[in-house]
Amino acid sequence: MFFKVSSAGILGIDGFIVDVEVDLSRGIPAFNIVGLPDTSIKEAKERIRSAIQNSGYEFVNKRIVINLSPADIRKEGSHFDLAMAVGILSNQYINNIDSLKDTLFLGELSLDGKLKKVNGILPIIIKAKKRNYKRVILPTDNLIEASFIEEIDIYGFDFLDEVVKFLNKELDKNPYKQDKKIHTSNIENLDMSDIKGNYLAKRAIEIACAGGHNILMIGPPGSGKTMIAKRIQTILPDLSLDDAIEISKIYSAAGLIDKNEGIINKRPFRSPHHTTTKTALIGGGADARPGEVVLAHKGVLFLDELLEFDKKILETLRQPIEDKYVTISRVKMNLKYPSDFLLVAAMNPCP
């Protein structure tokens, strides 16, 4: 028996569709996953087996081969657990196979069958919409984040057996809907009115924010440079929905989105320490993660004690400032990240 279920993974800050092909055949019982899976996917075999059994279903006693297609792209993370489990259960327990069409399955499985939150939902939903998928089934904890993308139905579930009942039309559930407006929040209660005096510095900050100019503040310790810098994001214009989704895409892929907020609702403020590495600032590593310049997109990148930063690290900021994007090259991929930020630096007049 052969079944195909759709899922998706993350490459940089973009999603890509993965066809989970499940083949069940006679022979000595075995469970193999192929298609360049990483360790977290190989370990999914035990999670899926326990989740199916603890959800009240019998685990099929056959030779199971699961292929994650396209097989030439390395797959990482636990996004595919639910899709693999649904593919295996299609053999006996899912009567309505047509319910798998135009549906994307995402989610990590606990041993008791509970669906757990996964990272990168927002870019995956955007990709699914472009590929004309009609609905997405995912963990309840990812619902708010996923619902900001329109024209695609989002269904959230807590347990594997609920998904099976829904596919068999034994459980009625409406797609999740919510208010798409961006509610800006000022979590730390910062305000420019906290700063007394320093009229020249405040005027310079206003001009820099209005025109998108980078700015360097020079002054003795305790003169208020950091205090002013932390309040810059409060006088920048409010985010539009498109900008908020663009920022949230980056934070979603990095796993930095609060499940209760679902979206980044204020401009980022990133302040890396002067001991930071080049990889942490620009991005990179084995998985080509976005760095601080990318996480500061549409917001503020604050470099306190500028002279303490390594000269080579500061030189790497040239290209992101000029081009508004960062390119990270690897042997098998070439990733382009947006990095349109306001650079604010502070330093003492003398070491």
C-alpha atoms as a PDB file:
ATOM      1  CA  MET A   1       0.000   0.000   0.000  1.00  0.00           C
ATOM      2  CA  PHE A   2       1.258   3.470  -0.899  1.00  0.00           C
ATOM      3  CA  PHE A   3       0.091   6.791   0.591  1.00  0.00           C
ATOM      4  CA  LYS A   4       1.289  10.355   0.031  1.00  0.00           C
ATOM      5  CA  VAL A   5       0.885  13.072   2.673  1.00  0.00           C
ATOM      6  CA  SER A   6       2.077  16.689   2.363  1.00  0.00           C
ATOM      7  CA  SER A   7       4.247  18.400   4.949  1.00  0.00           C
ATOM      8  CA  ALA A   8       6.892  21.150   4.877  1.00  0.00           C
ATOM      9  CA  GLY A   9      10.297  22.141   6.210  1.00  0.00           C
ATOM     10  CA  ILE A  10      12.398  25.278   6.650  1.00  0.00           C
ATOM     11  CA  LEU A  11      15.362  26.387   4.542  1.00  0.00           C
ATOM     12  CA  GLY A  12      16.818  29.604   5.944  1.00  0.00           C
ATOM     13  CA  ILE A  13      13.732  31.762   6.558  1.00  0.00           C
ATOM     14  CA  ASP A  14      11.641  30.234   3.758  1.00  0.00           C
ATOM     15  CA  GLY A  15       9.420  27.173   3.780  1.00  0.00           C
ATOM     16  CA  PHE A  16       9.554  24.330   1.253  1.00  0.00           C
ATOM     17  CA  ILE A  17       6.970  21.631   0.600  1.00  0.00           C
ATOM     18  CA  VAL A  18       7.892  18.026   1.378  1.00  0.00           C
ATOM     19  CA  ASP A  19       5.960  15.004   0.078  1.00  0.00           C
ATOM     20  CA  VAL A  20       5.912  12.310   2.762  1.00  0.00           C
ATOM     21  CA  GLU A  21       5.620   9.059   0.783  1.00  0.00           C
ATOM     22  CA  VAL A  22       4.650   6.064   2.921  1.00  0.00           C
ATOM     23  CA  ASP A  23       5.001   2.524   1.557  1.00  0.00           C
ATOM     24  CA  LEU A  24       3.621  -0.422   3.551  1.00  0.00           C
ATOM     25  CA  SER A  25       4.571  -3.861   2.262  1.00  0.00           C
ATOM     26  CA  ARG A  26       4.792  -7.488   3.347  1.00  0.00           C
ATOM     27  CA  GLY A  27       8.010  -8.769   4.826  1.00  0.00           C
ATOM     28  CA  ILE A  28       9.985  -8.684   8.051  1.00  0.00           C
ATOM     29  CA  PRO A  29       8.587  -5.729  10.107  1.00  0.00           C
ATOM     30  CA  ALA A  30      10.911  -2.722   9.823  1.00  0.00           C
ATOM     31  CA  PHE A  31      10.636   1.085   9.897  1.00  0.00           C
ATOM     32  CA  ASN A  32      12.986   3.100   7.670  1.00  0.00           C
ATOM     33  CA  ILE A  33      13.012   6.834   6.855  1.00  0.00           C
ATOM     34  CA  VAL A  34      14.954   7.985   3.770  1.00  0.00           C
ATOM     35  CA  GLY A  35      15.371  11.310   1.942  1.00  0.00           C
ATOM     36  CA  LEU A  36      18.301  12.986   3.782  1.00  0.00           C
ATOM     37  CA  PRO A  37      16.710  13.125   7.270  1.00  0.00           C
ATOM     38  CA  ASP A  38      18.701  14.535  10.206  1.00  0.00           C
ATOM     39  CA  THR A  39      18.914  12.873  13.647  1.00  0.00           C
ATOM     40  CA  SER A  40      15.708  14.471  14.975  1.00  0.00           C
ATOM     41  CA  ILE A  41      13.769  12.933  12.047  1.00  0.00           C
ATOM     42  CA  LYS A  42      15.421   9.508  12.362  1.00  0.00           C
ATOM     43  CA  GLU A  43      14.428   9.475  16.047  1.00  0.00           C
ATOM     44  CA  ALA A  44      10.809  10.195  15.023  1.00  0.00           C
ATOM     45  CA  LYS A  45      10.318   6.448  14.488  1.00  0.00           C
ATOM     46  CA  GLU A  46      10.006   5.811  18.225  1.00  0.00           C
ATOM     47  CA  ARG A  47       7.883   8.926  18.798  1.00  0.00           C
ATOM     48  CA  ILE A  48       5.448   7.910  16.046  1.00  0.00           C
ATOM     49  CA  ARG A  49       5.202   4.285  17.194  1.00  0.00           C
ATOM     50  CA  SER A  50       4.426   5.287  20.808  1.00  0.00           C
ATOM     51  CA  ALA A  51       2.068   8.111  19.781  1.00  0.00           C
ATOM     52  CA  ILE A  52      -0.006   5.768  17.557  1.00  0.00           C
ATOM     53  CA  GLN A  53      -0.230   3.060  20.215  1.00  0.00           C
ATOM     54  CA  ASN A  54      -1.021   5.493  23.060  1.00  0.00           C
ATOM     55  CA  SER A  55      -3.737   7.109  20.914  1.00  0.00           C
ATOM     56  CA  GLY A  56      -5.620   3.789  20.904  1.00  0.00           C
ATOM     57  CA  TYR A  57      -4.533   2.494  17.475  1.00  0.00           C
ATOM     58  CA  GLU A  58      -2.621  -0.643  16.568  1.00  0.00           C
ATOM     59  CA  PHE A  59       0.779  -0.049  14.990  1.00  0.00           C
ATOM     60  CA  VAL A  60       0.907  -1.796  11.618  1.00  0.00           C
ATOM     61  CA  ASN A  61       3.034  -4.957  11.628  1.00  0.00           C
ATOM     62  CA  LYS A  62       4.557  -4.509   8.157  1.00  0.00           C
ATOM     63  CA  ARG A  63       7.685  -3.274   6.437  1.00  0.00           C
ATOM     64  CA  ILE A  64       7.427   0.553   6.459  1.00  0.00           C
ATOM     65  CA  VAL A  65       9.507   2.794   4.211  1.00  0.00           C
ATOM     66  CA  ILE A  66       8.982   6.570   4.374  1.00  0.00           C
ATOM     67  CA  ASN A  67      10.581   8.807   1.755  1.00  0.00           C
ATOM     68  CA  LEU A  68      10.831  12.577   2.277  1.00  0.00           C
ATOM     69  CA  SER A  69      10.758  14.104  -1.206  1.00  0.00           C
ATOM     70  CA  PRO A  70      12.626  16.009  -2.671  1.00  0.00           C
ATOM     71  CA  ALA A  71      15.347  13.629  -1.519  1.00  0.00           C
ATOM     72  CA  ASP A  72      18.269  15.933  -2.433  1.00  0.00           C
ATOM     73  CA  ILE A  73      17.463  18.586   0.235  1.00  0.00           C
ATOM     74  CA  ARG A  74      18.495  17.881   3.826  1.00  0.00           C
ATOM     75  CA  LYS A  75      15.473  17.820   6.181  1.00  0.00           C
ATOM     76  CA  GLU A  76      15.794  19.103   9.741  1.00  0.00           C
ATOM     77  CA  GLY A  77      13.438  19.369  12.700  1.00  0.00           C
ATOM     78  CA  SER A  78      10.322  17.624  13.913  1.00  0.00           C
ATOM     79  CA  HIS A  79       7.804  19.177  11.455  1.00  0.00           C
ATOM     80  CA  PHE A  80       7.136  15.842   9.730  1.00  0.00           C
ATOM     81  CA  ASP A  81       6.008  13.706  12.722  1.00  0.00           C
ATOM     82  CA  LEU A  82       2.273  14.260  12.184  1.00  0.00           C
ATOM     83  CA  ALA A  83       2.431  13.717   8.406  1.00  0.00           C
ATOM     84  CA  MET A  84       4.334  10.426   8.839  1.00  0.00           C
ATOM     85  CA  ALA A  85       1.868   9.213  11.486  1.00  0.00           C
ATOM     86  CA  VAL A  86      -1.127  10.115   9.278  1.00  0.00           C
ATOM     87  CA  GLY A  87       0.493   8.258   6.361  1.00  0.00           C
ATOM     88  CA  ILE A  88       0.896   5.090   8.450  1.00  0.00           C
ATOM     89  CA  LEU A  89      -2.641   5.331   9.887  1.00  0.00           C
ATOM     90  CA  SER A  90      -4.089   5.749   6.359  1.00  0.00           C
ATOM     91  CA  ASN A  91      -3.649   2.002   5.905  1.00  0.00           C
ATOM     92  CA  GLN A  92      -6.331   1.055   8.451  1.00  0.00           C
ATOM     93  CA  TYR A  93      -7.847   3.959  10.296  1.00  0.00           C
ATOM     94  CA  ILE A  94      -8.437   6.778   7.781  1.00  0.00           C
ATOM     95  CA  ASN A  95     -11.419   5.888   5.622  1.00  0.00           C
ATOM     96  CA  ASN A  96     -11.594   9.109   3.636  1.00  0.00           C
ATOM     97  CA  ILE A  97      -8.259   9.179   1.759  1.00  0.00           C
ATOM     98  CA  ASP A  98      -9.486  12.133  -0.336  1.00  0.00           C
ATOM     99  CA  SER A  99      -9.297  14.247   2.841  1.00  0.00           C
ATOM    100  CA  LEU A 100      -5.485  14.149   2.522  1.00  0.00           C
ATOM    101  CA  LYS A 101      -5.548  16.093  -0.765  1.00  0.00           C
ATOM    102  CA  ASP A 102      -4.688  19.809  -0.704  1.00  0.00           C
ATOM    103  CA  THR A 103      -3.915  19.477   3.023  1.00  0.00           C
ATOM    104  CA  LEU A 104      -0.610  20.211   4.756  1.00  0.00           C
ATOM    105  CA  PHE A 105       0.235  18.397   8.020  1.00  0.00           C
ATOM    106  CA  LEU A 106       2.684  19.908  10.520  1.00  0.00           C
ATOM    107  CA  GLY A 107       3.554  19.090  14.101  1.00  0.00           C
ATOM    108  CA  GLU A 108       5.786  17.206  16.506  1.00  0.00           C
ATOM    109  CA  LEU A 109       4.339  14.221  18.349  1.00  0.00           C
ATOM    110  CA  SER A 110       4.746  13.427  22.038  1.00  0.00           C
ATOM    111  CA  LEU A 111       4.809   9.806  23.157  1.00  0.00           C
ATOM    112  CA  ASP A 112       1.208  10.142  24.389  1.00  0.00           C
ATOM    113  CA  GLY A 113      -0.013  11.416  20.992  1.00  0.00           C
ATOM    114  CA  LYS A 114      -0.093  15.100  21.933  1.00  0.00           C
ATOM    115  CA  LEU A 115       0.810  17.603  19.191  1.00  0.00           C
ATOM    116  CA  LYS A 116       3.621  19.987  20.114  1.00  0.00           C
ATOM    117  CA  LYS A 117       4.562  23.366  18.657  1.00  0.00           C
ATOM    118  CA  VAL A 118       7.138  23.591  15.826  1.00  0.00           C
ATOM    119  CA  ASN A 119       9.193  26.549  14.565  1.00  0.00           C
ATOM    120  CA  GLY A 120       8.902  28.286  11.198  1.00  0.00           C
ATOM    121  CA  ILE A 121       5.126  28.010  10.791  1.00  0.00           C
ATOM    122  CA  LEU A 122       4.672  31.448   9.208  1.00  0.00           C
ATOM    123  CA  PRO A 123       7.032  30.979   6.206  1.00  0.00           C
ATOM    124  CA  ILE A 124       5.619  27.470   5.710  1.00  0.00           C
ATOM    125  CA  ILE A 125       2.017  28.762   5.558  1.00  0.00           C
ATOM    126  CA  ILE A 126       3.079  31.466   3.078  1.00  0.00           C
ATOM    127  CA  LYS A 127       4.656  28.762   0.876  1.00  0.00           C
ATOM    128  CA  ALA A 128       1.575  26.524   1.192  1.00  0.00           C
ATOM    129  CA  LYS A 129      -0.665  29.381   0.064  1.00  0.00           C
ATOM    130  CA  LYS A 130       1.540  29.966  -3.015  1.00  0.00           C
ATOM    131  CA  ARG A 131       1.300  26.243  -3.839  1.00  0.00           C
ATOM    132  CA  ASN A 132      -2.531  26.417  -3.661  1.00  0.00           C
ATOM    133  CA  TYR A 133      -3.049  24.218  -0.590  1.00  0.00           C
ATOM    134  CA  LYS A 134      -6.566  24.581   0.789  1.00  0.00           C
ATOM    135  CA  ARG A 135      -5.953  23.861   4.467  1.00  0.00           C
ATOM    136  CA  VAL A 136      -3.253  23.277   7.067  1.00  0.00           C
ATOM    137  CA  ILE A 137      -3.508  20.983  10.101  1.00  0.00           C
ATOM    138  CA  LEU A 138      -1.113  21.868  12.921  1.00  0.00           C
ATOM    139  CA  PRO A 139      -0.698  22.017  16.743  1.00  0.00           C
ATOM    140  CA  THR A 140      -2.994  24.366  18.691  1.00  0.00           C
ATOM    141  CA  ASP A 141       0.057  26.280  20.002  1.00  0.00           C
ATOM    142  CA  ASN A 142       0.846  27.386  16.416  1.00  0.00           C
ATOM    143  CA  LEU A 143      -2.704  28.562  15.627  1.00  0.00           C
ATOM    144  CA  ILE A 144      -2.404  32.303  16.338  1.00  0.00           C
ATOM    145  CA  GLU A 145       0.830  32.648  14.344  1.00  0.00           C
ATOM    146  CA  ALA A 146      -0.557  30.719  11.347  1.00  0.00           C
ATOM    147  CA  SER A 147      -3.872  32.594  11.243  1.00  0.00           C
ATOM    148  CA  PHE A 148      -2.301  35.876  10.045  1.00  0.00           C
ATOM    149  CA  ILE A 149      -2.082  34.456   6.509  1.00  0.00           C
ATOM    150  CA  GLU A 150      -5.393  34.822   4.685  1.00  0.00           C
ATOM    151  CA  GLU A 151      -7.117  32.652   2.038  1.00  0.00           C
ATOM    152  CA  ILE A 152      -6.046  29.348   3.571  1.00  0.00           C
ATOM    153  CA  ASP A 153      -7.954  27.372   6.247  1.00  0.00           C
ATOM    154  CA  ILE A 154      -6.064  26.713   9.491  1.00  0.00           C
ATOM    155  CA  TYR A 155      -7.093  23.903  11.854  1.00  0.00           C
ATOM    156  CA  GLY A 156      -5.455  23.383  15.247  1.00  0.00           C
ATOM    157  CA  PHE A 157      -5.515  20.112  17.215  1.00  0.00           C
ATOM    158  CA  ASP A 158      -4.095  18.900  20.535  1.00  0.00           C
ATOM    159  CA  PHE A 159      -3.945  15.141  19.921  1.00  0.00           C
ATOM    160  CA  LEU A 160      -3.317  12.712  17.065  1.00  0.00           C
ATOM    161  CA  ASP A 161      -6.658  10.912  17.503  1.00  0.00           C
ATOM    162  CA  GLU A 162      -8.505  14.244  17.035  1.00  0.00           C
ATOM    163  CA  VAL A 163      -6.804  14.648  13.636  1.00  0.00           C
ATOM    164  CA  VAL A 164      -7.860  11.131  12.577  1.00  0.00           C
ATOM    165  CA  LYS A 165     -11.482  11.745  13.664  1.00  0.00           C
ATOM    166  CA  PHE A 166     -11.499  15.060  11.795  1.00  0.00           C
ATOM    167  CA  LEU A 167     -10.206  13.420   8.582  1.00  0.00           C
ATOM    168  CA  ASN A 168     -12.892  10.729   8.904  1.00  0.00           C
ATOM    169  CA  LYS A 169     -15.540  13.474   9.415  1.00  0.00           C
ATOM    170  CA  GLU A 170     -16.320  12.116  12.890  1.00  0.00           C
ATOM    171  CA  LEU A 171     -15.316  15.460  14.447  1.00  0.00           C
ATOM    172  CA  ASP A 172     -16.656  18.843  13.302  1.00  0.00           C
ATOM    173  CA  LYS A 173     -14.284  21.772  13.505  1.00  0.00           C
ATOM    174  CA  ASN A 174     -14.303  25.208  11.897  1.00  0.00           C
ATOM    175  CA  PRO A 175     -11.134  26.898  10.618  1.00  0.00           C
ATOM    176  CA  TYR A 176      -9.552  29.278  13.116  1.00  0.00           C
ATOM    177  CA  LYS A 177     -10.216  32.974  12.472  1.00  0.00           C
ATOM    178  CA  GLN A 178      -8.973  36.028  14.301  1.00  0.00           C
ATOM    179  CA  ASP A 179      -8.563  39.798  14.039  1.00  0.00           C
ATOM    180  CA  LYS A 180      -5.755  40.531  11.558  1.00  0.00           C
ATOM    181  CA  LYS A 181      -4.981  44.006  12.937  1.00  0.00           C
ATOM    182  CA  ILE A 182      -1.547  44.653  14.422  1.00  0.00           C
ATOM    183  CA  HIS A 183      -1.878  45.804  18.023  1.00  0.00           C
ATOM    184  CA  THR A 184       1.363  47.587  18.869  1.00  0.00           C
ATOM    185  CA  SER A 185       2.555  47.086  22.416  1.00  0.00           C
ATOM    186  CA  ASN A 186       5.067  48.919  24.547  1.00  0.00           C
ATOM    187  CA  ILE A 187       6.069  46.080  26.841  1.00  0.00           C
ATOM    188  CA  GLU A 188       8.835  47.821  28.753  1.00  0.00           C
ATOM    189  CA  ASN A 189       6.910  51.115  29.076  1.00  0.00           C
ATOM    190  CA  LEU A 190       9.752  53.096  27.545  1.00  0.00           C
ATOM    191  CA  ASP A 191       9.113  56.662  26.425  1.00  0.00           C
ATOM    192  CA  MET A 192      11.191  59.580  25.116  1.00  0.00           C
ATOM    193  CA  SER A 193       9.588  61.775  27.791  1.00  0.00           C
ATOM    194  CA  ASP A 194      11.730  59.896  30.358  1.00  0.00           C
ATOM    195  CA  ILE A 195      14.780  61.792  29.040  1.00  0.00           C
ATOM    196  CA  LYS A 196      15.280  65.221  30.624  1.00  0.00           C
ATOM    197  CA  GLY A 197      17.462  67.697  28.749  1.00  0.00           C
ATOM    198  CA  ASN A 198      19.724  66.374  25.967  1.00  0.00           C
ATOM    199  CA  TYR A 199      17.690  68.440  23.483  1.00  0.00           C
ATOM    200  CA  LEU A 200      20.341  68.273  20.745  1.00  0.00           C
ATOM    201  CA  ALA A 201      20.618  64.488  20.993  1.00  0.00           C
ATOM    202  CA  LYS A 202      16.821  64.028  20.946  1.00  0.00           C
ATOM    203  CA  ARG A 203      16.506  66.318  17.912  1.00  0.00           C
ATOM    204  CA  ALA A 204      19.240  64.355  16.113  1.00  0.00           C
ATOM    205  CA  ILE A 205      17.417  61.081  16.894  1.00  0.00           C
ATOM    206  CA  GLU A 206      14.138  62.482  15.517  1.00  0.00           C
ATOM    207  CA  ILE A 207      15.872  63.453  12.242  1.00  0.00           C
ATOM    208  CA  ALA A 208      17.614  60.047  12.014  1.00  0.00           C
ATOM    209  CA  CYS A 209      14.312  58.199  12.532  1.00  0.00           C
ATOM    210  CA  ALA A 210      12.414  60.392  10.070  1.00  0.00           C
ATOM    211  CA  GLY A 211      14.991  59.975   7.295  1.00  0.00           C
ATOM    212  CA  GLY A 212      16.266  56.473   8.071  1.00  0.00           C
ATOM    213  CA  HIS A 213      19.787  57.754   8.813  1.00  0.00           C
ATOM    214  CA  ASN A 214      22.317  55.823  10.890  1.00  0.00           C
ATOM    215  CA  ILE A 215      23.590  57.726  13.930  1.00  0.00           C
ATOM    216  CA  LEU A 216      26.600  57.701  16.266  1.00  0.00           C
ATOM    217  CA  MET A 217      26.360  59.180  19.778  1.00  0.00           C
ATOM    218  CA  ILE A 218      29.580  60.232  21.516  1.00  0.00           C
ATOM    219  CA  GLY A 219      29.531  61.219  25.183  1.00  0.00           C
ATOM    220  CA  PRO A 220      30.957  60.444  28.624  1.00  0.00           C
ATOM    221  CA  PRO A 221      29.641  57.495  30.674  1.00  0.00           C
ATOM    222  CA  GLY A 222      26.260  58.222  32.268  1.00  0.00           C
ATOM    223  CA  SER A 223      25.255  60.965  29.824  1.00  0.00           C
ATOM    224  CA  GLY A 224      22.217  58.982  28.604  1.00  0.00           C
ATOM    225  CA  LYS A 225      23.365  57.433  25.299  1.00  0.00           C
ATOM    226  CA  THR A 226      21.979  53.950  26.028  1.00  0.00           C
ATOM    227  CA  MET A 227      18.819  55.369  27.596  1.00  0.00           C
ATOM    228  CA  ILE A 228      18.086  57.365  24.425  1.00  0.00           C
ATOM    229  CA  ALA A 229      18.931  54.426  22.140  1.00  0.00           C
ATOM    230  CA  LYS A 230      16.496  52.075  23.927  1.00  0.00           C
ATOM    231  CA  ARG A 231      13.651  54.541  23.305  1.00  0.00           C
ATOM    232  CA  ILE A 232      14.267  55.011  19.573  1.00  0.00           C
ATOM    233  CA  GLN A 233      11.894  52.200  18.567  1.00  0.00           C
ATOM    234  CA  THR A 234       9.047  54.009  20.387  1.00  0.00           C
ATOM    235  CA  ILE A 235       9.152  56.975  17.956  1.00  0.00           C
ATOM    236  CA  LEU A 236       9.494  54.920  14.776  1.00  0.00           C
ATOM    237  CA  PRO A 237       6.275  54.551  12.705  1.00  0.00           C
ATOM    238  CA  ASP A 238       3.905  51.685  13.604  1.00  0.00           C
ATOM    239  CA  LEU A 239       4.318  48.474  11.633  1.00  0.00           C
ATOM    240  CA  SER A 240       2.032  47.688   8.706  1.00  0.00           C
ATOM    241  CA  LEU A 241       0.640  44.137   8.471  1.00  0.00           C
ATOM    242  CA  ASP A 242       2.996  43.326   5.560  1.00  0.00           C
ATOM    243  CA  ASP A 243       6.070  44.535   7.493  1.00  0.00           C
ATOM    244  CA  ALA A 244       4.970  42.690  10.625  1.00  0.00           C
ATOM    245  CA  ILE A 245       4.592  39.438   8.666  1.00  0.00           C
ATOM    246  CA  GLU A 246       7.992  39.955   7.022  1.00  0.00           C
ATOM    247  CA  ILE A 247       9.659  40.407  10.426  1.00  0.00           C
ATOM    248  CA  SER A 248       7.652  37.573  11.971  1.00  0.00           C
ATOM    249  CA  LYS A 249       8.801  35.247   9.179  1.00  0.00           C
ATOM    250  CA  ILE A 250      12.398  35.736  10.335  1.00  0.00           C
ATOM    251  CA  TYR A 251      11.570  35.306  14.025  1.00  0.00           C
ATOM    252  CA  SER A 252       9.356  32.290  13.309  1.00  0.00           C
ATOM    253  CA  ALA A 253      12.190  30.476  11.498  1.00  0.00           C
ATOM    254  CA  ALA A 254      14.511  31.323  14.415  1.00  0.00           C
ATOM    255  CA  GLY A 255      11.940  30.056  16.959  1.00  0.00           C
ATOM    256  CA  LEU A 256      11.629  33.430  18.707  1.00  0.00           C
ATOM    257  CA  ILE A 257       7.869  34.063  18.437  1.00  0.00           C
ATOM    258  CA  ASP A 258       5.657  34.024  21.537  1.00  0.00           C
ATOM    259  CA  LYS A 259       2.767  31.576  20.957  1.00  0.00           C
ATOM    260  CA  ASN A 260       0.338  34.002  22.678  1.00  0.00           C
ATOM    261  CA  GLU A 261       1.299  36.929  20.422  1.00  0.00           C
ATOM    262  CA  GLY A 262       1.616  34.928  17.200  1.00  0.00           C
ATOM    263  CA  ILE A 263       3.321  37.789  15.389  1.00  0.00           C
ATOM    264  CA  ILE A 264       5.956  40.462  16.038  1.00  0.00           C
ATOM    265  CA  ASN A 265       3.873  43.543  16.795  1.00  0.00           C
ATOM    266  CA  LYS A 266       6.612  46.133  17.313  1.00  0.00           C
ATOM    267  CA  ARG A 267       9.849  47.074  15.593  1.00  0.00           C
ATOM    268  CA  PRO A 268      12.812  44.950  16.740  1.00  0.00           C
ATOM    269  CA  PHE A 269      15.545  46.371  18.958  1.00  0.00           C
ATOM    270  CA  ARG A 270      18.725  44.283  18.932  1.00  0.00           C
ATOM    271  CA  SER A 271      21.723  45.142  21.085  1.00  0.00           C
ATOM    272  CA  PRO A 272      24.538  42.563  20.709  1.00  0.00           C
ATOM    273  CA  HIS A 273      27.395  42.658  23.244  1.00  0.00           C
ATOM    274  CA  HIS A 274      30.784  43.857  21.998  1.00  0.00           C
ATOM    275  CA  THR A 275      32.204  40.334  22.469  1.00  0.00           C
ATOM    276  CA  THR A 276      29.823  38.955  19.808  1.00  0.00           C
ATOM    277  CA  THR A 277      31.237  36.875  16.960  1.00  0.00           C
ATOM    278  CA  LYS A 278      31.003  37.556  13.232  1.00  0.00           C
ATOM    279  CA  THR A 279      28.643  34.585  12.787  1.00  0.00           C
ATOM    280  CA  ALA A 280      26.326  35.814  15.555  1.00  0.00           C
ATOM    281  CA  LEU A 281      26.208  39.326  14.081  1.00  0.00           C
ATOM    282  CA  ILE A 282      25.834  38.539  10.353  1.00  0.00           C
ATOM    283  CA  GLY A 283      24.526  34.968  10.453  1.00  0.00           C
ATOM    284  CA  GLY A 284      25.845  31.612   9.305  1.00  0.00           C
ATOM    285  CA  GLY A 285      26.937  28.390  10.939  1.00  0.00           C
ATOM    286  CA  ALA A 286      26.147  24.872   9.728  1.00  0.00           C
ATOM    287  CA  ASP A 287      22.419  25.642   9.452  1.00  0.00           C
ATOM    288  CA  ALA A 288      22.947  29.212   8.089  1.00  0.00           C
ATOM    289  CA  ARG A 289      20.956  30.838  10.897  1.00  0.00           C
ATOM    290  CA  PRO A 290      20.061  34.542  10.619  1.00  0.00           C
ATOM    291  CA  GLY A 291      22.274  36.876  12.682  1.00  0.00           C
ATOM    292  CA  GLU A 292      21.597  40.079  14.612  1.00  0.00           C
ATOM    293  CA  VAL A 293      21.536  42.257  11.461  1.00  0.00           C
ATOM    294  CA  VAL A 294      18.701  40.086  10.111  1.00  0.00           C
ATOM    295  CA  LEU A 295      16.812  39.966  13.427  1.00  0.00           C
ATOM    296  CA  ALA A 296      16.978  43.802  13.476  1.00  0.00           C
ATOM    297  CA  HIS A 297      15.179  44.026  10.081  1.00  0.00           C
ATOM    298  CA  LYS A 298      12.773  47.019   9.993  1.00  0.00           C
ATOM    299  CA  GLY A 299      14.011  47.964  13.471  1.00  0.00           C
ATOM    300  CA  VAL A 300      17.085  49.178  15.358  1.00  0.00           C
ATOM    301  CA  LEU A 301      20.544  47.601  15.664  1.00  0.00           C
ATOM    302  CA  PHE A 302      22.287  49.224  18.652  1.00  0.00           C
ATOM    303  CA  LEU A 303      26.039  48.811  19.075  1.00  0.00           C
ATOM    304  CA  ASP A 304      26.967  50.077  22.547  1.00  0.00           C
ATOM    305  CA  GLU A 305      30.668  50.729  23.269  1.00  0.00           C
ATOM    306  CA  LEU A 306      31.419  50.779  19.533  1.00  0.00           C
ATOM    307  CA  LEU A 307      35.213  51.000  19.975  1.00  0.00           C
ATOM    308  CA  GLU A 308      35.232  47.718  21.917  1.00  0.00           C
ATOM    309  CA  PHE A 309      33.949  45.782  18.879  1.00  0.00           C
ATOM    310  CA  ASP A 310      36.544  43.968  16.771  1.00  0.00           C
ATOM    311  CA  LYS A 311      37.469  45.982  13.652  1.00  0.00           C
ATOM    312  CA  LYS A 312      36.905  42.988  11.319  1.00  0.00           C
ATOM    313  CA  ILE A 313      33.403  42.486  12.722  1.00  0.00           C
ATOM    314  CA  LEU A 314      32.507  46.143  12.123  1.00  0.00           C
ATOM    315  CA  GLU A 315      33.801  45.878   8.540  1.00  0.00           C
ATOM    316  CA  THR A 316      31.277  43.093   7.859  1.00  0.00           C
ATOM    317  CA  LEU A 317      28.452  45.606   8.443  1.00  0.00           C
ATOM    318  CA  ARG A 318      29.293  47.487   5.227  1.00  0.00           C
ATOM    319  CA  GLN A 319      27.388  45.236   2.828  1.00  0.00           C
ATOM    320  CA  PRO A 320      24.197  44.817   4.965  1.00  0.00           C
ATOM    321  CA  ILE A 321      23.999  48.625   5.474  1.00  0.00           C
ATOM    322  CA  GLU A 322      24.459  49.406   1.765  1.00  0.00           C
ATOM    323  CA  ASP A 323      22.503  46.558   0.151  1.00  0.00           C
ATOM    324  CA  LYS A 324      19.815  46.027   2.845  1.00  0.00           C
ATOM    325  CA  TYR A 325      20.299  42.264   2.636  1.00  0.00           C
ATOM    326  CA  VAL A 326      22.789  39.552   3.647  1.00  0.00           C
ATOM    327  CA  THR A 327      23.835  36.615   1.467  1.00  0.00           C
ATOM    328  CA  ILE A 328      25.057  33.445   3.206  1.00  0.00           C
ATOM    329  CA  SER A 329      26.607  30.853   0.900  1.00  0.00           C
ATOM    330  CA  ARG A 330      26.941  27.155   1.628  1.00  0.00           C
ATOM    331  CA  VAL A 331      28.026  24.221  -0.556  1.00  0.00           C
ATOM    332  CA  LYS A 332      24.461  23.198  -1.465  1.00  0.00           C
ATOM    333  CA  MET A 333      22.549  26.442  -0.878  1.00  0.00           C
ATOM    334  CA  ASN A 334      22.724  30.188  -1.235  1.00  0.00           C
ATOM    335  CA  LEU A 335      20.447  32.048   1.201  1.00  0.00           C
ATOM    336  CA  LYS A 336      19.471  35.715   1.027  1.00  0.00           C
ATOM    337  CA  TYR A 337      18.194  37.395   4.204  1.00  0.00           C
ATOM    338  CA  PRO A 338      16.686  40.927   4.429  1.00  0.00           C
ATOM    339  CA  SER A 339      18.523  43.353   6.759  1.00  0.00           C
ATOM    340  CA  ASP A 340      17.010  46.830   6.433  1.00  0.00           C
ATOM    341  CA  PHE A 341      17.777  48.337   9.853  1.00  0.00           C
ATOM    342  CA  LEU A 342      18.616  51.649  11.529  1.00  0.00           C
ATOM    343  CA  LEU A 343      22.173  51.462  12.906  1.00  0.00           C
ATOM    344  CA  VAL A 344      22.619  53.312  16.206  1.00  0.00           C
ATOM    345  CA  ALA A 345      26.048  53.314  17.860  1.00  0.00           C
ATOM    346  CA  ALA A 346      27.371  54.808  21.105  1.00  0.00           C
ATOM    347  CA  MET A 347      30.923  55.356  22.347  1.00  0.00           C
ATOM    348  CA  ASN A 348      32.942  57.281  24.907  1.00  0.00           C
ATOM    349  CA  PRO A 349      35.143  60.195  23.705  1.00  0.00           C
ATOM    350  CA  CYS A 350      38.219  58.468  25.168  1.00  0.00           C
ATOM    351  CA  PRO A 351      38.936  54.880  26.304  1.00  0.00           C
END
